[in-house]
Amino acid sequence: MAQSFTEMLCQVRQQIREADPTEVFRATEGPNAPVLIDVRELDEYRLGALPGAKHIPRGYLELHIEDEVPDRDRALVVYCAAGVRSALAAASLQALGYENVVSLAQGFDGWKRAGLPFVVPHTLDDAQRNRYSRHLLLPEIGEAGQARLLESSALVVGAGGLGSPVALYLAAAGVGTIGLVDSDVVEESNLQRQILHSTARVGQPKTSSARQTIEALNPDVRVVEHNERLVADNVMAIIGRYDVIVDGADNFPTRYLLNDASLLDRKPVVHGSIFRFEGQLTVFRPQAGPCYRCLFPEPPPPDLAPSCAEAGVLGVLPGIVGSLQALEVLKLLLGIGDPLVGRLLLFDALGTNFRELQLRSDPNCPACGEHATLEQVTDLDYSCAVPAR
């Protein structure tokens, strides 16, 4: 006689461990908190979930669990709506070698009845799941990471050579809010490298031209125009609205101003610069590594800072460095990988090679050192030719 589903479920429950909601809640507050796995369908998950839970629908559990939890000794709590699917899932995980698996008795319904905290996760709609499908396949990003990007913001200082690839790739990746700072207008000489703009937009403000390009690429992204120069009077108000700052500036006063403002506001800055056939890139993260003044205590003499109009710049070079800046921004926003904090990446386009230099904080730095005196930002009085960007 065929075994009924109820009989099979009873046998499964004899082979696994179940815990009531209160016991699981206490475990999640401890130092060795288990990984929470939500095996419900997407429409159920969208209505509410346990805080911090990873969503892997039951039908995909065996396929994706190793990507999400590679350590088979790690404690897991699996839950569904009422505790049936999670019991079966727990048995499957045990068969895969996960030795410390618990099924949440009564499921999410029981958790809510017990008055325990839950969250309504930011989930993607069908169009977004299609647009960002290649991100969703990466375990390091997934739907939770993509939702985080859509809720994040980045300020791009300079809508020129470096700002162009940065803004385009951040927009394509789905960074929800992108601020653009630039007071210039589009000129024909920009078009050799500043790919945000087009011939038809010569004479338009760069922030307006950039906004049109970004909005055409990804309607999910909100573009905020700051059609002005960064100065001491506005820098704190502007950067305070964003999670990460991208330094694509074309002048030393702005770079030093950004450095000081980011230290005061504790905002990470992804710095990039280019000159002729060479580029450099690093990440300045307050209290986690050196700052711009540790690397360059003083700006160079004016005669050593020629502009791109005087020295020239290879058109593709800002695309390479700017793309790497966008990569560093995404790593910071997602909390993945090893950002270039305390490391300076140098690129030689003619030799097509990279070099990396280790950077150290200067204990005597007036901005971030042991006896730092930085209390407010000031404009740097510096007249020079504008360096390439």
Protein backbone atom coordinates (compact mmCIF):
# COMPACT_ATOMS: atom_id res chain seq x y z
CA MET A 1 0.00 0.00 0.00
CA ALA A 2 1.34 3.42 -0.96
CA GLN A 3 2.54 5.59 1.87
CA SER A 4 0.46 8.70 2.46
CA PHE A 5 2.02 12.18 2.53
CA THR A 6 1.12 12.50 6.21
CA GLU A 7 2.93 9.30 7.05
CA MET A 8 5.97 10.38 5.05
CA LEU A 9 6.00 13.77 6.80
CA CYS A 10 5.87 12.08 10.19
CA GLN A 11 8.89 9.98 9.27
CA VAL A 12 10.77 13.05 8.06
CA ARG A 13 10.07 14.89 11.30
CA GLN A 14 11.51 12.02 13.26
CA GLN A 15 14.77 12.44 11.36
CA ILE A 16 15.19 16.19 11.76
CA ARG A 17 15.20 18.72 14.56
CA GLU A 18 12.47 21.35 14.90
CA ALA A 19 12.54 24.46 17.08
CA ASP A 20 9.74 26.81 18.05
CA PRO A 21 9.88 30.50 17.08
CA THR A 22 10.98 31.74 20.50
CA GLU A 23 13.93 29.34 20.60
CA VAL A 24 15.02 30.37 17.10
CA PHE A 25 14.68 34.06 17.98
CA ARG A 26 16.97 33.63 20.98
CA ALA A 27 19.51 31.83 18.81
CA THR A 28 19.56 34.66 16.27
CA GLU A 29 20.60 37.11 18.97
CA GLY A 30 23.58 35.02 20.09
CA PRO A 31 27.22 35.22 18.96
CA ASN A 32 26.91 32.10 16.80
CA ALA A 33 23.69 33.02 15.07
CA PRO A 34 22.50 30.52 12.47
CA VAL A 35 21.95 31.29 8.82
CA LEU A 36 18.23 31.72 8.16
CA ILE A 37 16.96 30.16 4.93
CA ASP A 38 13.50 31.14 3.65
CA VAL A 39 12.25 28.42 1.29
CA ARG A 40 8.89 30.01 0.46
CA GLU A 41 7.93 31.27 -2.99
CA LEU A 42 8.70 34.83 -4.02
CA ASP A 43 5.13 36.11 -3.61
CA GLU A 44 5.16 34.86 0.00
CA TYR A 45 8.61 36.28 0.73
CA ARG A 46 7.60 39.73 -0.52
CA LEU A 47 4.96 39.99 2.24
CA GLY A 48 7.48 39.61 5.05
CA ALA A 49 10.50 37.62 6.19
CA LEU A 50 12.74 36.99 9.17
CA PRO A 51 15.40 39.72 9.47
CA GLY A 52 18.56 38.75 7.61
CA ALA A 53 17.10 35.63 5.99
CA LYS A 54 18.41 34.36 2.67
CA HIS A 55 15.65 33.62 0.19
CA ILE A 56 16.05 30.33 -1.70
CA PRO A 57 12.72 28.91 -2.93
CA ARG A 58 12.28 25.23 -2.11
CA GLY A 59 12.55 24.19 -5.74
CA TYR A 60 16.04 25.75 -6.01
CA LEU A 61 17.39 24.85 -2.59
CA GLU A 62 19.62 21.93 -3.55
CA LEU A 63 20.90 23.90 -6.56
CA HIS A 64 21.90 27.11 -4.73
CA ILE A 65 22.56 26.23 -1.08
CA GLU A 66 26.25 25.52 -1.61
CA ASP A 67 26.73 28.96 -3.14
CA GLU A 68 24.95 30.68 -0.26
CA VAL A 69 26.33 28.51 2.58
CA PRO A 70 29.46 26.61 1.52
CA ASP A 71 30.31 25.60 5.11
CA ARG A 72 28.39 22.40 5.87
CA ASP A 73 29.12 22.75 9.58
CA ARG A 74 27.34 26.09 9.78
CA ALA A 75 24.11 26.17 11.77
CA LEU A 76 21.04 26.62 9.57
CA VAL A 77 17.42 27.40 10.33
CA VAL A 78 15.04 26.63 7.47
CA TYR A 79 11.52 28.02 7.44
CA CYS A 80 8.43 28.20 5.25
CA ALA A 81 4.87 29.38 5.94
CA ALA A 82 3.73 26.68 8.37
CA GLY A 83 6.66 24.28 8.83
CA VAL A 84 5.87 21.57 6.26
CA ARG A 85 8.11 22.55 3.36
CA SER A 86 10.88 23.48 5.76
CA ALA A 87 10.80 20.03 7.36
CA LEU A 88 11.27 18.41 3.96
CA ALA A 89 13.96 20.97 3.12
CA ALA A 90 15.82 20.22 6.35
CA ALA A 91 15.86 16.52 5.49
CA SER A 92 17.25 17.32 2.03
CA LEU A 93 19.97 19.52 3.51
CA GLN A 94 20.96 16.76 5.91
CA ALA A 95 21.24 14.40 2.95
CA LEU A 96 23.61 16.95 1.34
CA GLY A 97 25.87 16.83 4.39
CA TYR A 98 24.66 19.83 6.40
CA GLU A 99 24.86 18.50 9.94
CA ASN A 100 23.37 21.33 11.98
CA VAL A 101 19.96 22.03 10.40
CA VAL A 102 16.79 23.07 12.21
CA SER A 103 13.28 23.50 10.80
CA LEU A 104 11.22 26.35 12.24
CA ALA A 105 8.12 24.77 13.74
CA GLN A 106 4.92 26.60 12.75
CA GLY A 107 6.93 28.53 10.16
CA PHE A 108 6.63 32.21 9.45
CA ASP A 109 2.96 32.18 10.47
CA GLY A 110 3.93 30.99 13.94
CA TRP A 111 6.72 33.53 14.11
CA LYS A 112 4.25 36.37 13.50
CA ARG A 113 1.71 34.95 15.97
CA ALA A 114 4.45 35.00 18.61
CA GLY A 115 4.87 38.73 18.01
CA LEU A 116 8.49 38.38 16.89
CA PRO A 117 10.08 40.99 14.58
CA PHE A 118 10.03 40.61 10.82
CA VAL A 119 10.81 42.81 7.84
CA VAL A 120 9.19 43.47 4.50
CA PRO A 121 12.10 42.99 2.09
CA HIS A 122 12.75 45.22 -0.90
CA THR A 123 12.14 42.83 -3.77
CA LEU A 124 12.52 43.28 -7.49
CA ASP A 125 9.64 43.39 -9.94
CA ASP A 126 9.64 41.17 -13.01
CA ALA A 127 11.21 43.82 -15.25
CA GLN A 128 14.02 44.40 -12.76
CA ARG A 129 14.64 40.69 -12.34
CA ASN A 130 15.10 40.49 -16.10
CA ARG A 131 17.27 43.62 -16.35
CA TYR A 132 19.62 42.57 -13.54
CA SER A 133 19.44 38.83 -14.16
CA ARG A 134 23.23 38.46 -14.52
CA HIS A 135 23.71 40.08 -11.11
CA LEU A 136 21.10 37.79 -9.57
CA LEU A 137 23.10 34.76 -10.69
CA LEU A 138 26.09 35.88 -8.63
CA PRO A 139 25.83 34.56 -5.04
CA GLU A 140 27.82 37.60 -3.84
CA ILE A 141 25.03 39.87 -5.11
CA GLY A 142 21.75 38.04 -5.65
CA GLU A 143 18.38 39.72 -5.21
CA ALA A 144 19.26 41.14 -1.79
CA GLY A 145 22.41 42.77 -3.15
CA GLN A 146 20.63 44.17 -6.17
CA ALA A 147 17.92 45.60 -3.94
CA ARG A 148 20.69 47.18 -1.86
CA LEU A 149 22.14 48.82 -4.98
CA LEU A 150 18.74 50.22 -5.93
CA GLU A 151 18.52 51.79 -2.48
CA SER A 152 22.09 53.16 -2.61
CA SER A 153 23.48 56.46 -3.82
CA ALA A 154 26.75 57.71 -5.28
CA LEU A 155 28.00 61.21 -6.00
CA VAL A 156 30.13 61.57 -9.13
CA VAL A 157 32.27 64.71 -9.03
CA GLY A 158 33.02 65.62 -12.63
CA ALA A 159 30.84 64.57 -15.56
CA GLY A 160 33.83 64.36 -17.88
CA GLY A 161 36.32 61.69 -18.91
CA LEU A 162 36.35 59.75 -15.65
CA GLY A 163 32.80 60.57 -14.61
CA SER A 164 31.41 59.26 -17.90
CA PRO A 165 32.27 55.55 -17.50
CA VAL A 166 31.66 55.72 -13.76
CA ALA A 167 28.15 57.12 -14.15
CA LEU A 168 27.27 54.80 -17.04
CA TYR A 169 28.34 51.63 -15.28
CA LEU A 170 26.78 52.61 -11.96
CA ALA A 171 23.53 53.38 -13.77
CA ALA A 172 23.66 50.09 -15.67
CA ALA A 173 24.28 48.26 -12.39
CA GLY A 174 21.17 49.83 -10.87
CA VAL A 175 22.61 52.23 -8.29
CA GLY A 176 19.37 53.97 -7.41
CA THR A 177 20.52 57.58 -7.04
CA ILE A 178 23.44 59.14 -8.89
CA GLY A 179 24.44 62.72 -8.18
CA LEU A 180 26.48 64.63 -10.76
CA VAL A 181 28.62 67.66 -9.94
CA ASP A 182 29.92 69.77 -12.82
CA SER A 183 29.60 73.42 -13.77
CA ASP A 184 30.89 73.13 -17.36
CA VAL A 185 29.11 72.81 -20.69
CA VAL A 186 29.76 70.20 -23.37
CA GLU A 187 32.44 71.18 -25.88
CA GLU A 188 33.48 69.40 -29.07
CA SER A 189 36.94 68.68 -27.64
CA ASN A 190 35.27 66.70 -24.83
CA LEU A 191 33.74 64.14 -27.18
CA GLN A 192 37.01 62.27 -27.80
CA ARG A 193 36.75 60.74 -24.30
CA GLN A 194 33.62 61.98 -22.45
CA ILE A 195 31.18 59.33 -23.62
CA LEU A 196 28.22 60.60 -21.58
CA HIS A 197 27.79 63.36 -24.15
CA SER A 198 27.05 63.68 -27.87
CA THR A 199 27.59 66.09 -30.73
CA ALA A 200 23.96 67.22 -30.56
CA ARG A 201 24.48 68.36 -26.94
CA VAL A 202 27.45 70.66 -27.51
CA GLY A 203 26.73 73.80 -25.51
CA GLN A 204 24.45 72.07 -22.98
CA PRO A 205 25.40 71.84 -19.30
CA LYS A 206 27.27 68.59 -18.74
CA THR A 207 24.99 67.57 -15.89
CA SER A 208 21.93 67.94 -18.13
CA SER A 209 23.54 66.01 -20.98
CA ALA A 210 24.64 63.27 -18.60
CA ARG A 211 21.19 63.01 -17.04
CA GLN A 212 19.60 62.45 -20.45
CA THR A 213 22.06 59.65 -21.26
CA ILE A 214 21.63 57.91 -17.92
CA GLU A 215 17.84 58.12 -17.94
CA ALA A 216 17.76 56.64 -21.44
CA LEU A 217 19.96 53.77 -20.23
CA ASN A 218 18.11 52.89 -17.03
CA PRO A 219 14.79 54.39 -15.89
CA ASP A 220 15.31 52.85 -12.42
CA VAL A 221 17.99 55.45 -11.69
CA ARG A 222 17.26 58.90 -10.28
CA VAL A 223 19.78 61.51 -11.41
CA VAL A 224 20.40 64.58 -9.25
CA GLU A 225 22.09 67.48 -11.02
CA HIS A 226 24.48 69.73 -9.13
CA ASN A 227 25.31 72.23 -11.87
CA GLU A 228 27.88 74.06 -9.79
CA ARG A 229 31.45 73.85 -8.56
CA LEU A 230 32.19 72.27 -5.23
CA VAL A 231 33.35 74.89 -2.78
CA ALA A 232 33.61 75.13 0.98
CA ASP A 233 30.16 76.69 1.22
CA ASN A 234 28.30 73.78 -0.45
CA VAL A 235 30.44 70.66 -0.23
CA MET A 236 29.17 69.35 3.12
CA ALA A 237 25.51 69.75 2.15
CA ILE A 238 26.06 68.00 -1.18
CA ILE A 239 28.15 64.99 -0.11
CA GLY A 240 26.01 64.38 2.97
CA ARG A 241 23.22 63.02 0.74
CA TYR A 242 25.28 60.15 -0.73
CA ASP A 243 26.80 56.84 0.38
CA VAL A 244 29.98 56.94 -1.70
CA ILE A 245 31.85 59.81 -3.38
CA VAL A 246 33.64 59.40 -6.72
CA ASP A 247 36.49 61.82 -7.31
CA GLY A 248 36.72 62.49 -11.04
CA ALA A 249 37.68 66.12 -10.47
CA ASP A 250 39.95 68.02 -12.84
CA ASN A 251 41.58 70.39 -10.34
CA PHE A 252 43.54 70.18 -7.13
CA PRO A 253 41.36 72.54 -5.04
CA THR A 254 38.38 70.21 -5.52
CA ARG A 255 40.42 67.11 -4.65
CA TYR A 256 41.71 68.57 -1.40
CA LEU A 257 38.27 69.95 -0.56
CA LEU A 258 36.68 66.52 -1.17
CA ASN A 259 39.28 64.86 1.00
CA ASP A 260 38.67 67.14 3.96
CA ALA A 261 34.89 67.05 3.62
CA SER A 262 34.84 63.25 3.38
CA LEU A 263 36.96 62.94 6.52
CA LEU A 264 34.58 65.18 8.46
CA ASP A 265 31.52 63.32 7.13
CA ARG A 266 33.22 59.88 7.17
CA LYS A 267 32.36 59.15 3.55
CA PRO A 268 34.55 56.90 1.37
CA VAL A 269 36.05 58.50 -1.72
CA VAL A 270 36.99 56.52 -4.83
CA HIS A 271 39.78 58.57 -6.37
CA GLY A 272 40.98 58.42 -9.96
CA SER A 273 43.19 60.61 -12.13
CA ILE A 274 44.79 60.41 -15.57
CA PHE A 275 47.60 62.09 -17.49
CA ARG A 276 48.57 61.46 -21.11
CA PHE A 277 48.94 57.64 -21.14
CA GLU A 278 48.93 57.00 -17.37
CA GLY A 279 46.24 56.63 -14.74
CA GLN A 280 45.97 55.96 -11.03
CA LEU A 281 43.27 54.77 -8.68
CA THR A 282 42.77 54.30 -4.95
CA VAL A 283 40.06 54.36 -2.27
CA PHE A 284 40.23 56.77 0.64
CA ARG A 285 38.15 55.38 3.50
CA PRO A 286 38.11 57.51 6.66
CA GLN A 287 39.56 55.76 9.73
CA ALA A 288 40.47 52.70 7.66
CA GLY A 289 43.47 53.95 5.67
CA PRO A 290 45.40 56.98 4.46
CA CYS A 291 43.73 60.07 3.04
CA TYR A 292 44.58 62.17 -0.02
CA ARG A 293 46.75 64.51 2.07
CA CYS A 294 48.78 61.51 3.31
CA LEU A 295 49.57 60.73 -0.33
CA PHE A 296 49.94 64.32 -1.56
CA PRO A 297 50.54 66.71 1.39
CA GLU A 298 50.81 69.67 -0.99
CA PRO A 299 49.66 70.28 -4.57
CA PRO A 300 52.40 70.33 -7.20
CA PRO A 301 53.82 73.62 -8.51
CA PRO A 302 51.58 75.11 -11.23
CA ASP A 303 54.17 74.53 -13.97
CA LEU A 304 54.10 70.78 -13.21
CA ALA A 305 50.32 70.49 -13.60
CA PRO A 306 49.59 70.97 -17.32
CA SER A 307 46.05 70.60 -18.58
CA CYS A 308 44.93 67.97 -21.07
CA ALA A 309 44.63 70.79 -23.60
CA GLU A 310 48.39 71.27 -23.22
CA ALA A 311 49.62 67.72 -22.59
CA GLY A 312 46.92 65.63 -24.29
CA VAL A 313 45.27 62.43 -23.07
CA LEU A 314 44.56 59.12 -24.77
CA GLY A 315 40.79 59.00 -25.28
CA VAL A 316 40.30 55.44 -24.04
CA LEU A 317 42.39 55.94 -20.86
CA PRO A 318 39.61 57.52 -18.73
CA GLY A 319 37.35 54.65 -19.80
CA ILE A 320 39.76 52.15 -18.24
CA VAL A 321 40.37 54.07 -15.02
CA GLY A 322 36.74 55.17 -14.70
CA SER A 323 35.51 51.59 -15.12
CA LEU A 324 37.79 50.54 -12.28
CA GLN A 325 36.41 53.38 -10.17
CA ALA A 326 32.89 52.09 -10.82
CA LEU A 327 34.03 48.62 -9.74
CA GLU A 328 35.34 50.00 -6.44
CA VAL A 329 32.06 51.86 -5.83
CA LEU A 330 30.02 48.68 -6.34
CA LYS A 331 32.30 46.74 -3.97
CA LEU A 332 31.83 49.39 -1.29
CA LEU A 333 28.05 49.55 -1.72
CA LEU A 334 27.67 45.76 -1.71
CA GLY A 335 30.24 45.10 1.02
CA ILE A 336 32.09 42.54 -1.10
CA GLY A 337 35.67 41.99 -2.21
CA ASP A 338 38.76 43.92 -1.15
CA PRO A 339 38.52 47.64 -1.94
CA LEU A 340 41.68 49.56 -2.84
CA VAL A 341 42.05 51.06 0.64
CA GLY A 342 45.72 51.69 1.38
CA ARG A 343 46.69 50.64 -2.15
CA LEU A 344 47.45 52.80 -5.17
CA LEU A 345 46.88 51.15 -8.55
CA LEU A 346 48.97 52.60 -11.39
CA PHE A 347 48.16 51.92 -15.04
CA ASP A 348 50.48 52.44 -18.01
CA ALA A 349 48.47 52.38 -21.23
CA LEU A 350 51.47 52.19 -23.56
CA GLY A 351 52.84 49.13 -21.79
CA THR A 352 49.38 47.80 -20.87
CA ASN A 353 50.51 46.99 -17.35
CA PHE A 354 49.40 47.63 -13.80
CA ARG A 355 51.52 48.25 -10.72
CA GLU A 356 50.32 48.42 -7.14
CA LEU A 357 51.88 50.50 -4.39
CA GLN A 358 51.13 50.08 -0.70
CA LEU A 359 50.09 53.32 1.02
CA ARG A 360 50.46 54.13 4.69
CA SER A 361 48.71 56.70 6.81
CA ASP A 362 50.88 59.61 7.81
CA PRO A 363 50.75 59.91 11.62
CA ASN A 364 51.57 63.61 11.21
CA CYS A 365 48.88 64.27 8.61
CA PRO A 366 47.01 67.45 9.66
CA ALA A 367 43.76 66.03 8.27
CA CYS A 368 43.70 62.43 9.57
CA GLY A 369 46.86 61.96 11.68
CA GLU A 370 47.23 61.38 15.39
CA HIS A 371 47.07 65.11 16.09
CA ALA A 372 44.78 66.17 13.27
CA THR A 373 43.50 69.73 13.45
CA LEU A 374 40.85 69.48 10.74
CA GLU A 375 37.59 70.96 12.01
CA GLN A 376 36.08 72.59 8.93
CA VAL A 377 36.63 72.74 5.20
CA THR A 378 38.25 75.68 3.45
CA ASP A 379 38.88 76.49 -0.19
CA LEU A 380 42.43 76.00 -1.41
CA ASP A 381 43.94 79.12 -2.97
CA TYR A 382 45.68 77.56 -5.92
CA SER A 383 46.02 78.82 -9.47
CA CYS A 384 47.30 76.38 -12.03
CA ALA A 385 46.64 74.80 -15.34
CA VAL A 386 43.87 72.23 -15.01
CA PRO A 387 45.16 68.62 -14.93
CA ALA A 388 43.65 66.03 -17.26
CA ARG A 389 40.55 64.09 -16.35
